[in-house]
Amino acid sequence: MLPYLAAIGLLTSAKMPLAQVSLVMAGYCLLMIVPALILLGARLVAGDRVSGPLTRVGEWMAKSDTVSWIVGIVGFLLAYDAAGRLSLLRFGG
C-alpha cells in the first residue's frame, strides 16, 4: 500500500492532464498486480513445491521487527506530510 500511496502523491503533484494521469495510474496498478498473479500461477502449477517457501517468507515478514519499523516510520512521515499540507501543523510565531 505504501508504494501505491507514494505514486498517488507523485501523480497529484505532477502537472499532467487527467487522461495521462489515469493512464499512468492504470499502468502502475497493472505493474503491482502482475507479480501477485505470477506467484498465484506458480502456486497453482507447482503446488507444494512453491507453497512452502512462500509460507516461510510470509511468516518471516509477519514476525520481522524491521518490517514493522519501516512501515511505522513511513506511515508517520506520510501522516506528518499530510498534516503539514492541510495546515494542521503550525511552526514558529
Protein backbone atom coordinates (compact mmCIF):
# COMPACT_ATOMS: atom_id res chain seq x y z
CA MET A 1 0.00 0.00 0.00
CA LEU A 2 2.81 2.41 0.76
CA PRO A 3 4.22 2.48 -2.81
CA TYR A 4 0.67 2.99 -4.12
CA LEU A 5 0.14 5.99 -1.83
CA ALA A 6 3.51 7.40 -2.84
CA ALA A 7 2.60 7.02 -6.52
CA ILE A 8 -0.72 8.79 -5.96
CA GLY A 9 1.13 11.59 -4.17
CA LEU A 10 3.55 11.99 -7.06
CA LEU A 11 0.78 11.96 -9.63
CA THR A 12 -1.35 14.52 -7.82
CA SER A 13 1.58 16.92 -7.62
CA ALA A 14 2.52 16.42 -11.30
CA LYS A 15 1.17 18.87 -13.84
CA MET A 16 -0.37 16.33 -16.22
CA PRO A 17 -3.78 16.13 -17.90
CA LEU A 18 -6.37 13.85 -16.27
CA ALA A 19 -6.25 11.37 -19.16
CA GLN A 20 -2.49 10.96 -18.79
CA VAL A 21 -2.72 10.60 -15.00
CA SER A 22 -5.39 7.91 -15.47
CA LEU A 23 -3.23 6.03 -17.97
CA VAL A 24 -0.15 6.18 -15.73
CA MET A 25 -2.19 5.03 -12.72
CA ALA A 26 -3.70 2.12 -14.68
CA GLY A 27 -0.20 1.06 -15.75
CA TYR A 28 1.06 1.32 -12.19
CA CYS A 29 -1.81 -0.80 -10.88
CA LEU A 30 -1.09 -3.41 -13.56
CA LEU A 31 2.58 -3.38 -12.59
CA MET A 32 1.64 -4.00 -8.94
CA ILE A 33 -0.82 -6.81 -9.77
CA VAL A 34 1.37 -8.81 -12.19
CA PRO A 35 3.83 -10.18 -9.56
CA ALA A 36 0.93 -11.44 -7.42
CA LEU A 37 -0.60 -13.11 -10.47
CA ILE A 38 2.74 -14.75 -11.30
CA LEU A 39 3.06 -16.09 -7.74
CA LEU A 40 -0.53 -17.35 -7.88
CA GLY A 41 0.18 -19.10 -11.17
CA ALA A 42 3.36 -20.66 -9.75
CA ARG A 43 1.45 -21.89 -6.73
CA LEU A 44 -1.31 -23.36 -8.87
CA VAL A 45 1.17 -25.09 -11.20
CA ALA A 46 3.88 -26.15 -8.73
CA GLY A 47 1.66 -26.64 -5.69
CA ASP A 48 3.52 -27.69 -2.54
CA ARG A 49 6.97 -27.05 -4.05
CA VAL A 50 6.23 -23.30 -4.05
CA SER A 51 3.82 -23.19 -1.13
CA GLY A 52 6.48 -24.00 1.48
CA PRO A 53 8.91 -21.21 0.58
CA LEU A 54 6.06 -18.69 0.20
CA THR A 55 4.73 -19.63 3.63
CA ARG A 56 8.19 -19.22 5.20
CA VAL A 57 8.63 -15.77 3.63
CA GLY A 58 5.15 -14.75 4.82
CA GLU A 59 5.86 -15.92 8.36
CA TRP A 60 9.22 -14.10 8.39
CA MET A 61 7.59 -10.85 7.28
CA ALA A 62 4.86 -11.22 9.92
CA LYS A 63 7.46 -11.67 12.70
CA SER A 64 10.05 -9.19 11.43
CA ASP A 65 10.54 -6.17 13.66
CA THR A 66 12.44 -4.45 10.84
CA VAL A 67 9.44 -4.53 8.51
CA SER A 68 7.24 -3.19 11.29
CA TRP A 69 9.63 -0.32 11.98
CA ILE A 70 9.89 0.58 8.28
CA VAL A 71 6.11 0.59 7.85
CA GLY A 72 5.69 2.62 11.05
CA ILE A 73 8.28 5.23 10.08
CA VAL A 74 6.94 5.62 6.54
CA GLY A 75 3.39 5.86 7.91
CA PHE A 76 4.45 8.58 10.33
CA LEU A 77 6.22 10.53 7.57
CA LEU A 78 3.15 10.31 5.33
CA ALA A 79 0.86 11.46 8.14
CA TYR A 80 3.24 14.29 9.07
CA ASP A 81 3.41 15.48 5.45
CA ALA A 82 -0.37 15.29 5.08
CA ALA A 83 -0.86 17.29 8.29
CA GLY A 84 1.54 19.93 7.03
CA ARG A 85 -0.20 20.18 3.65
CA LEU A 86 -3.57 20.51 5.39
CA SER A 87 -2.17 23.29 7.60
CA LEU A 88 -2.82 21.26 10.74
CA LEU A 89 0.71 21.95 11.99
CA ARG A 90 1.83 25.45 12.90
CA PHE A 91 5.50 26.26 13.42
CA GLY A 92 7.10 29.42 14.67
CA GLY A 93 5.43 32.64 15.79
